[in-house]
Amino acid sequence: MLTALEVITTVVVGVMVGVEFSVAFVLNRIFNALPEDSGQLGRAHGGRMLGAVMPVWYIGSLVLAALWVIAGWHEHGTGLVVTAAGLLIVSVVMSILLLVPINNQSKTWTPENRPADWKEQMNRWDRFHYVRVAVIIAAFTLLVAALA
């Protein structure tokens, strides 16, 4: 049972890392290179789509890591999983305090109603997102190390 939980947690967090990495280093660069208002519209659509899925994914990853800690408390590598869970908490707090407020505004923007500083707000979101990606990559790395 513990082995299945370890594998499921690692895969769920790993896929989340892959999605967030691709948003940071692939999708947003594609959106930024699109002509006229296409990039802003693409980001707004992505904010709506991923904004609906990612909260469940982040909280679910944290719950799975917590269950791994509880189920494997006396197992080798538990300290790594505790640290990974702590980093996942940091990622959730960052999301709620820094990224979600910007996303909630930007997902409603159109070329007609976006604020004058929309590009600066997107750049701020990107900077926070880069840090969040680094945090969840670190958490994923610790989970993988705990399996070894």
Protein backbone atom coordinates (compact mmCIF):
# COMPACT_ATOMS: atom_id res chain seq x y z
CA MET A 1 0.00 0.00 0.00
CA LEU A 2 2.78 2.45 0.92
CA THR A 3 4.61 1.71 -2.33
CA ALA A 4 1.50 2.53 -4.37
CA LEU A 5 1.05 5.79 -2.44
CA GLU A 6 4.70 6.72 -3.03
CA VAL A 7 4.45 6.08 -6.76
CA ILE A 8 1.09 7.85 -7.16
CA THR A 9 2.32 10.90 -5.23
CA THR A 10 5.53 11.09 -7.21
CA VAL A 11 3.72 10.78 -10.54
CA VAL A 12 1.04 13.35 -9.64
CA VAL A 13 3.63 15.88 -8.45
CA GLY A 14 5.88 15.10 -11.42
CA VAL A 15 3.13 15.71 -13.96
CA MET A 16 2.18 18.94 -12.17
CA VAL A 17 5.81 20.06 -12.40
CA GLY A 18 5.79 19.26 -16.11
CA VAL A 19 2.65 21.28 -16.75
CA GLU A 20 3.87 24.28 -14.75
CA PHE A 21 7.32 24.10 -16.36
CA SER A 22 5.74 24.09 -19.81
CA VAL A 23 3.56 27.08 -18.91
CA ALA A 24 6.62 29.02 -17.75
CA PHE A 25 9.08 28.13 -20.47
CA VAL A 26 6.99 27.12 -23.49
CA LEU A 27 3.38 28.33 -23.54
CA ASN A 28 3.93 31.85 -22.24
CA ARG A 29 6.80 32.37 -24.69
CA ILE A 30 4.55 31.22 -27.51
CA PHE A 31 1.77 33.55 -26.33
CA ASN A 32 4.20 36.47 -26.07
CA ALA A 33 5.32 35.92 -29.66
CA LEU A 34 1.81 35.90 -31.15
CA PRO A 35 0.71 38.94 -33.12
CA GLU A 36 -1.54 41.72 -31.87
CA ASP A 37 -3.91 40.66 -29.08
CA SER A 38 -3.65 36.90 -29.61
CA GLY A 39 -1.12 36.39 -26.83
CA GLN A 40 -3.17 38.21 -24.22
CA LEU A 41 -6.30 36.30 -25.26
CA GLY A 42 -4.36 33.02 -25.07
CA ARG A 43 -3.12 33.82 -21.58
CA ALA A 44 -6.65 34.71 -20.48
CA HIS A 45 -7.98 31.41 -21.81
CA GLY A 46 -5.13 29.51 -20.18
CA GLY A 47 -5.82 31.32 -16.91
CA ARG A 48 -9.45 30.21 -17.02
CA MET A 49 -8.66 26.62 -17.99
CA LEU A 50 -5.69 25.96 -15.71
CA GLY A 51 -7.13 28.17 -12.97
CA ALA A 52 -9.95 25.65 -12.62
CA VAL A 53 -7.66 22.60 -12.48
CA MET A 54 -4.53 23.68 -10.66
CA PRO A 55 -6.02 24.34 -7.20
CA VAL A 56 -7.21 20.73 -7.03
CA TRP A 57 -3.85 19.53 -8.32
CA TYR A 58 -1.81 21.56 -5.83
CA ILE A 59 -3.96 20.65 -2.83
CA GLY A 60 -4.20 17.03 -3.99
CA SER A 61 -0.40 16.81 -4.26
CA LEU A 62 -0.04 18.21 -0.77
CA VAL A 63 -2.60 15.75 0.63
CA LEU A 64 -0.85 12.82 -1.06
CA ALA A 65 2.51 13.92 0.36
CA ALA A 66 0.97 14.25 3.84
CA LEU A 67 -0.51 10.77 3.55
CA TRP A 68 2.90 9.44 2.52
CA VAL A 69 4.43 11.05 5.62
CA ILE A 70 1.78 9.51 7.88
CA ALA A 71 1.86 6.06 6.28
CA GLY A 72 5.63 5.92 6.09
CA TRP A 73 6.53 7.73 9.29
CA HIS A 74 9.12 5.14 10.36
CA GLU A 75 10.41 4.45 6.87
CA HIS A 76 13.69 5.57 5.34
CA GLY A 77 13.39 8.93 3.57
CA THR A 78 10.47 10.31 5.55
CA GLY A 79 12.41 13.48 6.34
CA LEU A 80 12.72 14.13 2.62
CA VAL A 81 8.97 13.70 2.18
CA VAL A 82 8.28 16.04 5.12
CA THR A 83 10.50 18.66 3.49
CA ALA A 84 8.79 18.10 0.12
CA ALA A 85 5.39 18.54 1.78
CA GLY A 86 6.66 21.76 3.36
CA LEU A 87 7.68 23.02 -0.08
CA LEU A 88 4.27 22.08 -1.46
CA ILE A 89 2.73 24.15 1.34
CA VAL A 90 4.94 27.06 0.26
CA SER A 91 3.74 26.62 -3.33
CA VAL A 92 0.09 26.67 -2.24
CA VAL A 93 0.61 29.77 -0.10
CA MET A 94 2.48 31.49 -2.95
CA SER A 95 -0.34 30.62 -5.30
CA ILE A 96 -3.05 31.98 -3.02
CA LEU A 97 -1.23 35.16 -2.03
CA LEU A 98 0.69 36.08 -5.18
CA LEU A 99 -0.45 34.31 -8.33
CA VAL A 100 -4.21 33.73 -7.96
CA PRO A 101 -5.07 37.42 -7.45
CA ILE A 102 -3.32 38.35 -10.70
CA ASN A 103 -4.78 35.33 -12.51
CA ASN A 104 -8.31 36.11 -11.33
CA GLN A 105 -8.06 39.54 -12.92
CA SER A 106 -6.21 38.57 -16.10
CA LYS A 107 -8.47 35.69 -17.03
CA THR A 108 -11.31 38.17 -17.59
CA TRP A 109 -9.30 40.58 -19.73
CA THR A 110 -10.08 41.25 -23.35
CA PRO A 111 -8.38 43.78 -25.62
CA GLU A 112 -11.27 46.14 -24.81
CA ASN A 113 -11.17 45.95 -21.01
CA ARG A 114 -7.59 45.15 -20.01
CA PRO A 115 -5.75 47.72 -17.89
CA ALA A 116 -2.98 49.86 -19.31
CA ASP A 117 -0.37 48.01 -17.22
CA TRP A 118 -1.49 44.52 -18.26
CA LYS A 119 1.96 43.58 -19.59
CA GLU A 120 3.61 44.59 -16.32
CA GLN A 121 1.07 42.50 -14.41
CA MET A 122 1.78 39.51 -16.67
CA ASN A 123 5.51 39.97 -16.13
CA ARG A 124 4.94 40.04 -12.35
CA TRP A 125 2.87 36.84 -12.60
CA ASP A 126 5.65 35.24 -14.66
CA ARG A 127 8.31 36.13 -12.07
CA PHE A 128 6.24 34.67 -9.22
CA HIS A 129 5.52 31.63 -11.37
CA TYR A 130 9.24 31.01 -12.01
CA VAL A 131 9.83 30.91 -8.25
CA ARG A 132 6.84 28.60 -7.75
CA VAL A 133 8.15 26.27 -10.45
CA ALA A 134 11.53 26.14 -8.69
CA VAL A 135 9.78 25.29 -5.41
CA ILE A 136 7.74 22.45 -6.87
CA ILE A 137 10.76 21.09 -8.78
CA ALA A 138 12.60 20.97 -5.45
CA ALA A 139 9.63 19.17 -3.85
CA PHE A 140 9.50 16.67 -6.72
CA THR A 141 13.25 16.07 -6.47
CA LEU A 142 12.93 15.32 -2.75
CA LEU A 143 10.07 12.88 -3.40
CA VAL A 144 12.15 11.05 -5.99
CA ALA A 145 15.12 10.97 -3.61
CA ALA A 146 12.90 9.52 -0.88
CA LEU A 147 12.08 6.62 -3.18
CA ALA A 148 15.77 5.75 -3.60
